[in-house]
């Protein structure tokens, strides 16, 4: 599949490298969306993959161990980010890329990412040190990040934009518009969700799902996606792009870990942000076991968007924080907004669920839109079958 899905990160399940704020991956199938990677320095060697990715050559079978090693032991010329893990480095690059709205080449020399040839890399290192100093002297947490000043542009703007006026479209992911609501509780919202989906008895009867979806990616590229899900949390997603340069990619979560295939390359492990995305995409019914799988689950309140009200629940899993928007009228989940923490700041991605239809006694969203920092894609189901036989071997990583 073309690695598109992330945060960061599928047709269900990106990213890029950066700069102005830095030095020197997460994606669609949180292993799916285009990603570019880089580093203070850069990987030992880089090649262009299908799916417009710029990723390090696959590590040998000790990928897991090397991913846990300090970044400076795996990549060349790491200076300001020494000490963080190799996996964290890729997510950090993604954050900076989104914060400045740039790609790898803004800071890195095209033929040698470890080179200090471009002055932008030196500037980026200085910016990292500056934000660290500001936070250390003024805040208990990393309050100030690259995005605080850049807002998606390499050059910070001092004057407010007129687009910030009252006519600006409301973003469902804006936490400042959430108002407390004492008429509902977390349990009441989740109970309504289970009932809206069909009820516990009906949900318990669904053990697998096989679906095919048409996908429209950012920029108009299309793909066919085959999705295999086995309860409670096994996923295999195969994406065949209409663009021959992107080719076919596979992304899998086996209930404990994830792996990906792209073209003829060996199977690789997802970085931390990609894994968090895969975990969420693997749920047969999104957020159905929220209390079992997540911590600090709480009701933030109610938000009015356009002509509808949504109850908003916050939940934490690993290094990610979810905000889940449940339609106050139907009880169904409309959006899942996730922020995955990196050493420099959070990487956001969201998944919108719509066009719910009854199937075998349960409600299934037939349209799923995923948005990451650098891309978005919409999957519309064209074929679907539940309780089909799926062999466990489909989720086993090839050797």
Protein backbone atom coordinates (compact mmCIF):
# COMPACT_ATOMS: atom_id res chain seq x y z
CA UNK A 1 0.00 0.00 0.00
CA UNK A 2 1.27 3.38 -0.42
CA UNK A 3 2.08 4.31 3.14
CA UNK A 4 -0.30 7.08 3.56
CA UNK A 5 -2.43 6.64 6.57
CA UNK A 6 -1.04 8.93 10.49
CA UNK A 7 -0.93 10.61 12.34
CA UNK A 8 0.21 10.66 12.08
CA UNK A 9 -0.96 8.63 9.81
CA UNK A 10 -6.78 4.21 6.62
CA UNK A 11 -8.83 4.25 4.58
CA UNK A 12 -9.00 4.01 7.20
CA UNK A 13 -5.42 4.79 8.61
CA UNK A 14 2.08 11.03 7.61
CA UNK A 15 4.11 13.12 7.11
CA UNK A 16 7.03 15.01 6.40
CA UNK A 17 10.16 16.45 7.58
CA UNK A 18 10.97 20.04 8.13
CA UNK A 19 12.45 23.05 9.32
CA UNK A 20 12.48 26.72 10.01
CA UNK A 21 12.02 25.76 13.55
CA UNK A 22 14.57 23.07 13.45
CA UNK A 23 17.34 21.11 12.24
CA UNK A 24 17.76 18.61 10.60
CA UNK A 25 7.50 9.79 9.84
CA UNK A 26 3.55 9.15 10.55
CA UNK A 27 1.07 8.61 8.05
CA UNK A 28 -1.87 7.35 6.40
CA UNK A 29 -2.35 3.97 7.45
CA UNK A 30 -1.02 5.58 10.48
CA UNK A 31 1.03 3.92 8.32
CA UNK A 32 -0.62 5.36 5.37
CA UNK A 33 -0.08 9.00 4.38
CA UNK A 34 2.85 10.50 2.57
CA UNK A 35 5.66 11.17 4.89
CA UNK A 36 9.05 12.61 4.63
CA UNK A 37 11.65 12.10 7.24
CA UNK A 38 14.79 13.72 8.23
CA UNK A 39 16.83 14.59 11.17
CA UNK A 40 19.04 17.04 12.81
CA UNK A 41 21.34 15.23 10.60
CA UNK A 42 19.83 12.35 8.77
CA UNK A 43 19.48 8.69 8.33
CA UNK A 44 22.45 6.67 7.33
CA UNK A 45 20.95 6.38 3.85
CA UNK A 46 17.71 7.48 2.21
CA UNK A 47 15.82 6.39 -0.86
CA UNK A 48 12.60 7.54 -2.45
CA UNK A 49 9.78 5.07 -1.85
CA UNK A 50 6.51 4.73 -3.70
CA UNK A 51 3.84 6.79 -2.00
CA UNK A 52 6.05 9.84 -2.18
CA UNK A 53 7.77 8.95 1.06
CA UNK A 54 11.31 9.76 1.96
CA UNK A 55 12.19 7.14 4.54
CA UNK A 56 15.28 5.50 5.95
CA UNK A 57 16.26 2.20 4.40
CA UNK A 58 14.61 -0.66 6.35
CA UNK A 59 16.48 -1.71 9.44
CA UNK A 60 17.35 -5.41 9.80
CA UNK A 61 15.38 -7.75 12.04
CA UNK A 62 16.56 -5.82 15.11
CA UNK A 63 14.31 -2.90 14.07
CA UNK A 64 12.59 -2.83 17.46
CA UNK A 65 15.89 -2.60 19.35
CA UNK A 66 17.29 0.08 17.07
CA UNK A 67 14.10 2.09 17.29
CA UNK A 68 14.59 2.26 21.05
CA UNK A 69 18.19 3.39 20.72
CA UNK A 70 19.15 7.07 21.08
CA UNK A 71 18.61 8.89 17.80
CA UNK A 72 22.29 9.84 17.57
CA UNK A 73 23.22 6.14 17.50
CA UNK A 74 20.99 5.45 14.46
CA UNK A 75 21.11 8.72 12.49
CA UNK A 76 24.03 10.93 11.51
CA UNK A 77 24.82 14.41 12.81
CA UNK A 78 22.15 14.63 15.53
CA UNK A 79 22.93 17.62 17.72
CA UNK A 80 19.99 19.35 19.43
CA UNK A 81 17.83 16.20 19.76
CA UNK A 82 20.42 13.89 21.27
CA UNK A 83 18.90 11.49 23.80
CA UNK A 84 15.47 10.97 22.28
CA UNK A 85 14.76 7.56 20.69
CA UNK A 86 15.12 6.89 16.97
CA UNK A 87 11.33 6.39 16.71
CA UNK A 88 10.62 9.69 18.44
CA UNK A 89 12.86 11.51 15.98
CA UNK A 90 10.62 10.76 12.99
CA UNK A 91 7.52 12.01 14.77
CA UNK A 92 9.39 15.10 15.84
CA UNK A 93 10.30 15.82 12.23
CA UNK A 94 6.64 15.45 11.31
CA UNK A 95 5.61 17.97 13.93
CA UNK A 96 8.09 20.57 12.68
CA UNK A 97 7.06 19.96 9.09
CA UNK A 98 3.44 20.72 9.95
CA UNK A 99 4.30 23.64 12.22
CA UNK A 100 6.17 25.44 9.42
CA UNK A 101 4.28 24.07 6.42
CA UNK A 102 7.48 22.88 4.74
CA UNK A 103 9.07 19.67 3.55
CA UNK A 104 12.44 18.03 4.12
CA UNK A 105 14.30 20.09 1.52
CA UNK A 106 13.66 23.32 3.39
CA UNK A 107 16.42 22.46 5.87
CA UNK A 108 18.16 19.48 4.31
CA UNK A 109 20.44 19.11 1.33
CA UNK A 110 18.63 16.82 -1.12
CA UNK A 111 21.50 14.37 -1.62
CA UNK A 112 22.77 14.30 1.96
CA UNK A 113 20.37 14.87 4.84
CA UNK A 114 23.20 14.83 7.38
CA UNK A 115 24.90 17.78 5.70
CA UNK A 116 24.91 21.21 7.35
CA UNK A 117 25.13 22.89 3.96
CA UNK A 118 21.82 24.77 4.25
CA UNK A 119 21.71 27.68 6.72
CA UNK A 120 18.08 26.85 7.52
CA UNK A 121 19.23 23.81 9.48
CA UNK A 122 21.42 25.98 11.69
CA UNK A 123 18.50 28.34 12.23
CA UNK A 124 16.24 25.44 13.11
CA UNK A 125 18.66 24.19 15.74
CA UNK A 126 18.79 27.67 17.26
CA UNK A 127 14.98 27.82 17.33
CA UNK A 128 14.78 24.51 19.17
CA UNK A 129 17.20 25.76 21.82
CA UNK A 130 15.25 29.02 22.08
CA UNK A 131 11.89 27.32 22.69
CA UNK A 132 13.47 24.99 25.24
CA UNK A 133 14.86 27.97 27.12
CA UNK A 134 11.52 29.83 27.04
CA UNK A 135 9.65 26.82 28.38
CA UNK A 136 12.24 26.05 31.05
CA UNK A 137 12.13 29.60 32.39
CA UNK A 138 8.39 30.27 32.13
CA UNK A 139 6.29 27.11 31.95
CA UNK A 140 6.01 23.75 33.66
CA UNK A 141 5.33 22.02 30.33
CA UNK A 142 6.24 22.55 26.68
CA UNK A 143 3.74 25.36 26.18
CA UNK A 144 5.68 27.22 23.49
CA UNK A 145 6.40 25.24 20.30
CA UNK A 146 7.37 25.97 16.69
CA UNK A 147 3.69 26.31 15.86
CA UNK A 148 3.18 29.01 18.50
CA UNK A 149 4.79 31.54 16.16
CA UNK A 150 4.84 29.91 12.72
CA UNK A 151 1.28 28.65 12.30
CA UNK A 152 2.11 26.68 9.18
CA UNK A 153 4.42 29.29 7.62
CA UNK A 154 8.24 29.39 7.48
CA UNK A 155 8.14 33.09 8.34
CA UNK A 156 6.25 34.13 11.53
CA UNK A 157 3.68 36.90 11.01
CA UNK A 158 3.40 39.66 13.60
CA UNK A 159 -0.02 41.01 12.55
CA UNK A 160 -3.30 39.16 13.12
CA UNK A 161 -5.02 37.86 9.99
CA UNK A 162 -8.44 39.09 8.90
CA UNK A 163 -9.36 35.45 8.32
CA UNK A 164 -9.58 35.12 12.09
CA UNK A 165 -12.82 37.11 12.09
CA UNK A 166 -16.20 35.86 13.24
CA UNK A 167 -16.97 34.57 9.73
CA UNK A 168 -14.20 31.97 9.94
CA UNK A 169 -15.61 28.42 9.64
CA UNK A 170 -15.99 26.63 12.98
CA UNK A 171 -13.59 23.74 13.48
CA UNK A 172 -15.09 20.76 15.30
CA UNK A 173 -11.66 20.17 16.83
CA UNK A 174 -11.57 23.56 18.62
CA UNK A 175 -11.67 22.76 22.36
CA UNK A 176 -12.39 26.38 23.27
CA UNK A 177 -15.93 26.05 21.92
CA UNK A 178 -16.81 23.18 24.26
CA UNK A 179 -19.21 24.15 27.04
CA UNK A 180 -19.76 22.22 30.25
CA UNK A 181 -22.94 20.16 30.39
CA UNK A 182 -24.27 18.85 33.71
CA UNK A 183 -27.17 16.95 32.15
CA UNK A 184 -25.01 14.08 30.86
CA UNK A 185 -22.26 11.79 32.13
CA UNK A 186 -19.55 9.79 30.40
CA UNK A 187 -21.44 6.56 31.08
CA UNK A 188 -24.67 7.99 29.68
CA UNK A 189 -22.98 9.13 26.45
CA UNK A 190 -21.21 5.80 25.95
CA UNK A 191 -24.37 3.83 26.75
CA UNK A 192 -26.28 5.87 24.16
CA UNK A 193 -23.50 5.14 21.66
CA UNK A 194 -23.70 1.38 22.22
CA UNK A 195 -27.47 1.48 21.88
CA UNK A 196 -27.26 3.62 18.71
CA UNK A 197 -24.88 1.09 17.15
CA UNK A 198 -27.38 -1.70 17.78
CA UNK A 199 -26.93 -2.73 21.39
CA UNK A 200 -24.49 -5.00 23.20
CA UNK A 201 -26.13 -8.25 22.06
CA UNK A 202 -26.02 -7.29 18.37
CA UNK A 203 -22.45 -5.99 18.60
CA UNK A 204 -21.28 -9.20 20.27
CA UNK A 205 -22.47 -11.20 17.24
CA UNK A 206 -20.11 -9.33 14.87
CA UNK A 207 -16.63 -10.83 15.01
CA UNK A 208 -15.07 -9.87 11.66
CA UNK A 209 -15.49 -7.41 8.81
CA UNK A 210 -14.17 -7.46 5.24
CA UNK A 211 -14.68 -4.31 3.17
CA UNK A 212 -13.56 -2.69 -0.06
CA UNK A 213 -13.54 1.09 -0.35
CA UNK A 214 -12.91 3.68 -3.03
CA UNK A 215 -10.45 6.23 -1.75
CA UNK A 216 -9.96 9.81 -2.86
CA UNK A 217 -6.67 11.22 -1.62
CA UNK A 218 -5.53 14.80 -1.28
CA UNK A 219 -4.68 16.13 -4.74
CA UNK A 220 -7.24 13.90 -6.43
CA UNK A 221 -5.32 10.62 -6.55
CA UNK A 222 -7.60 7.61 -6.13
CA UNK A 223 -7.04 4.13 -4.72
CA UNK A 224 -8.82 0.89 -3.93
CA UNK A 225 -8.55 -0.20 -0.31
CA UNK A 226 -9.25 -3.69 1.02
CA UNK A 227 -9.78 -3.77 4.79
CA UNK A 228 -9.77 -6.90 6.96
CA UNK A 229 -10.76 -6.53 10.61
CA UNK A 230 -11.06 -9.22 13.25
CA UNK A 231 -12.33 -8.47 16.71
CA UNK A 232 -11.41 -7.05 18.98
CA UNK A 233 -8.44 -5.27 17.42
CA UNK A 234 -6.78 -6.97 14.43
CA UNK A 235 -6.38 -5.01 11.19
CA UNK A 236 -4.92 -5.57 7.72
CA UNK A 237 -5.34 -2.76 5.19
CA UNK A 238 -4.18 -3.05 1.56
CA UNK A 239 -4.14 0.09 -0.59
CA UNK A 240 -3.61 -0.06 -4.37
CA UNK A 241 -3.11 3.46 -5.73
CA UNK A 242 -4.10 4.58 -9.22
CA UNK A 243 -0.73 6.32 -9.30
CA UNK A 244 1.88 3.72 -10.34
CA UNK A 245 4.55 5.67 -8.46
CA UNK A 246 2.72 5.02 -5.21
CA UNK A 247 2.03 1.35 -5.93
CA UNK A 248 0.51 -0.96 -3.32
CA UNK A 249 1.04 -0.88 0.43
CA UNK A 250 0.02 -3.02 3.38
CA UNK A 251 -0.47 -1.96 6.99
CA UNK A 252 -1.20 -4.37 9.82
CA UNK A 253 -1.90 -4.30 13.55
CA UNK A 254 -1.81 -7.73 15.20
CA UNK A 255 -3.26 -6.73 18.56
CA UNK A 256 0.14 -5.97 20.08
CA UNK A 257 2.35 -4.43 17.40
CA UNK A 258 2.16 -3.12 13.86
CA UNK A 259 4.08 -3.66 10.62
CA UNK A 260 4.01 -2.29 7.08
CA UNK A 261 4.94 -3.35 3.56
CA UNK A 262 5.61 -1.04 0.64
CA UNK A 263 6.51 -2.34 -2.80
CA UNK A 264 9.16 -5.05 -2.69
CA UNK A 265 10.81 -3.78 0.45
CA UNK A 266 10.99 -5.94 3.61
CA UNK A 267 8.35 -5.47 6.30
CA UNK A 268 9.11 -2.52 8.59
CA UNK A 269 7.81 -1.43 11.98
CA UNK A 270 5.77 1.77 12.39
CA UNK A 271 7.12 4.65 14.42
CA UNK A 272 5.38 5.60 17.67
CA UNK A 273 2.83 7.95 16.13
CA UNK A 274 1.98 5.52 13.33
CA UNK A 275 1.45 2.73 15.85
CA UNK A 276 -0.94 4.87 17.90
CA UNK A 277 -2.96 5.51 14.74
CA UNK A 278 -3.03 1.82 13.80
CA UNK A 279 -4.27 0.90 17.27
CA UNK A 280 -7.26 3.18 16.84
CA UNK A 281 -7.99 2.11 13.26
CA UNK A 282 -7.96 -1.54 14.27
CA UNK A 283 -11.03 -1.27 16.51
CA UNK A 284 -13.91 -3.21 14.96
CA UNK A 285 -16.30 -0.64 16.43
CA UNK A 286 -14.46 2.64 17.17
CA UNK A 287 -14.16 3.55 20.86
CA UNK A 288 -16.61 0.83 21.90
CA UNK A 289 -14.32 -0.29 24.75
CA UNK A 290 -13.19 3.18 25.71
CA UNK A 291 -13.17 2.57 29.44
CA UNK A 292 -11.23 -0.69 29.12
CA UNK A 293 -8.56 0.52 26.72
CA UNK A 294 -8.12 4.19 27.69
CA UNK A 295 -7.31 6.11 30.86
CA UNK A 296 -8.59 9.39 32.29
CA UNK A 297 -11.88 9.15 30.43
CA UNK A 298 -14.02 12.21 31.08
CA UNK A 299 -16.87 14.28 29.64
CA UNK A 300 -15.61 17.69 28.53
CA UNK A 301 -19.07 18.98 27.73
CA UNK A 302 -21.16 19.86 24.68
CA UNK A 303 -20.20 21.71 21.49
CA UNK A 304 -22.60 23.26 18.98
CA UNK A 305 -21.37 23.08 15.39
CA UNK A 306 -23.43 24.30 12.45
CA UNK A 307 -26.90 22.98 13.26
CA UNK A 308 -25.93 20.06 15.52
CA UNK A 309 -24.82 19.44 19.09
CA UNK A 310 -22.06 17.02 20.08
CA UNK A 311 -21.09 15.55 23.44
CA UNK A 312 -17.30 15.59 23.72
CA UNK A 313 -15.37 12.94 25.66
CA UNK A 314 -11.64 13.08 26.39
CA UNK A 315 -9.56 9.92 26.83
CA UNK A 316 -5.86 9.06 26.95
CA UNK A 317 -3.97 6.13 25.48
CA UNK A 318 -0.19 5.89 25.51
CA UNK A 319 1.24 9.23 24.38
CA UNK A 320 -2.01 10.20 22.65
CA UNK A 321 -5.03 12.17 23.81
CA UNK A 322 -8.38 11.63 22.06
CA UNK A 323 -11.40 13.90 21.86
CA UNK A 324 -14.43 11.98 20.70
CA UNK A 325 -17.49 13.80 19.35
CA UNK A 326 -20.81 11.98 19.74
CA UNK A 327 -23.86 13.35 17.94
CA UNK A 328 -26.28 14.48 20.66
CA UNK A 329 -29.29 13.51 18.52
CA UNK A 330 -28.26 10.13 17.09
CA UNK A 331 -25.77 9.09 19.75
CA UNK A 332 -23.29 7.98 17.06
CA UNK A 333 -19.58 8.85 16.93
CA UNK A 334 -18.98 11.66 14.42
CA UNK A 335 -15.31 12.49 14.88
CA UNK A 336 -12.22 11.26 16.63
CA UNK A 337 -9.56 13.95 17.08
CA UNK A 338 -6.17 12.76 18.36
CA UNK A 339 -3.02 14.58 19.44
CA UNK A 340 0.09 12.41 19.74
CA UNK A 341 2.90 13.94 21.77
CA UNK A 342 6.45 14.25 20.42
CA UNK A 343 9.51 15.82 22.10
CA UNK A 344 8.78 19.18 20.40
CA UNK A 345 4.99 19.27 20.28
CA UNK A 346 1.82 17.33 19.41
CA UNK A 347 0.98 15.80 16.02
CA UNK A 348 -2.78 15.97 15.35
CA UNK A 349 -4.94 13.82 13.14
CA UNK A 350 -8.68 13.28 12.94
CA UNK A 351 -11.11 10.67 11.64
CA UNK A 352 -14.66 11.62 10.62
CA UNK A 353 -17.38 8.96 10.48
CA UNK A 354 -20.55 9.50 8.46
CA UNK A 355 -23.20 7.80 6.32
CA UNK A 356 -24.01 5.21 8.97
CA UNK A 357 -26.08 2.33 7.59
CA UNK A 358 -27.67 -0.71 9.26
CA UNK A 359 -25.92 -4.00 8.48
CA UNK A 360 -26.55 -7.32 10.25
CA UNK A 361 -28.27 -5.51 13.11
CA UNK A 362 -25.52 -2.94 13.72
CA UNK A 363 -24.71 0.52 12.36
CA UNK A 364 -21.57 0.88 10.22
CA UNK A 365 -20.10 4.16 8.88
CA UNK A 366 -19.80 3.85 5.09
CA UNK A 367 -17.72 7.03 4.72
CA UNK A 368 -14.53 7.64 6.70
CA UNK A 369 -12.41 10.76 6.21
CA UNK A 370 -8.93 10.90 7.73
CA UNK A 371 -6.97 14.15 8.01
CA UNK A 372 -3.34 14.56 9.03
CA UNK A 373 -0.90 17.46 9.03
CA UNK A 374 0.06 17.03 5.39
CA UNK A 375 -2.77 15.14 3.72
CA UNK A 376 -6.33 13.89 3.88
CA UNK A 377 -8.16 10.99 2.29
CA UNK A 378 -11.77 9.83 2.18
CA UNK A 379 -12.81 6.19 1.96
CA UNK A 380 -16.27 5.21 0.79
CA UNK A 381 -17.27 1.58 1.23
CA UNK A 382 -18.49 -0.14 -1.94
CA UNK A 383 -18.50 -3.75 -0.71
CA UNK A 384 -18.78 -5.12 2.81
CA UNK A 385 -19.35 -8.42 4.55
CA UNK A 386 -19.38 -9.19 8.26
CA UNK A 387 -18.60 -12.46 10.07
CA UNK A 388 -16.56 -13.71 7.10
CA UNK A 389 -13.80 -16.19 7.90
CA UNK A 390 -10.43 -14.43 8.33
CA UNK A 391 -7.33 -16.47 9.11
CA UNK A 392 -5.08 -15.21 11.91
CA UNK A 393 -2.11 -15.70 9.59
CA UNK A 394 -3.19 -12.54 7.70
CA UNK A 395 -1.86 -10.49 10.60
CA UNK A 396 1.49 -12.27 11.05
CA UNK A 397 4.56 -10.28 10.06
CA UNK A 398 6.52 -11.97 7.25
CA UNK A 399 10.11 -12.94 7.99
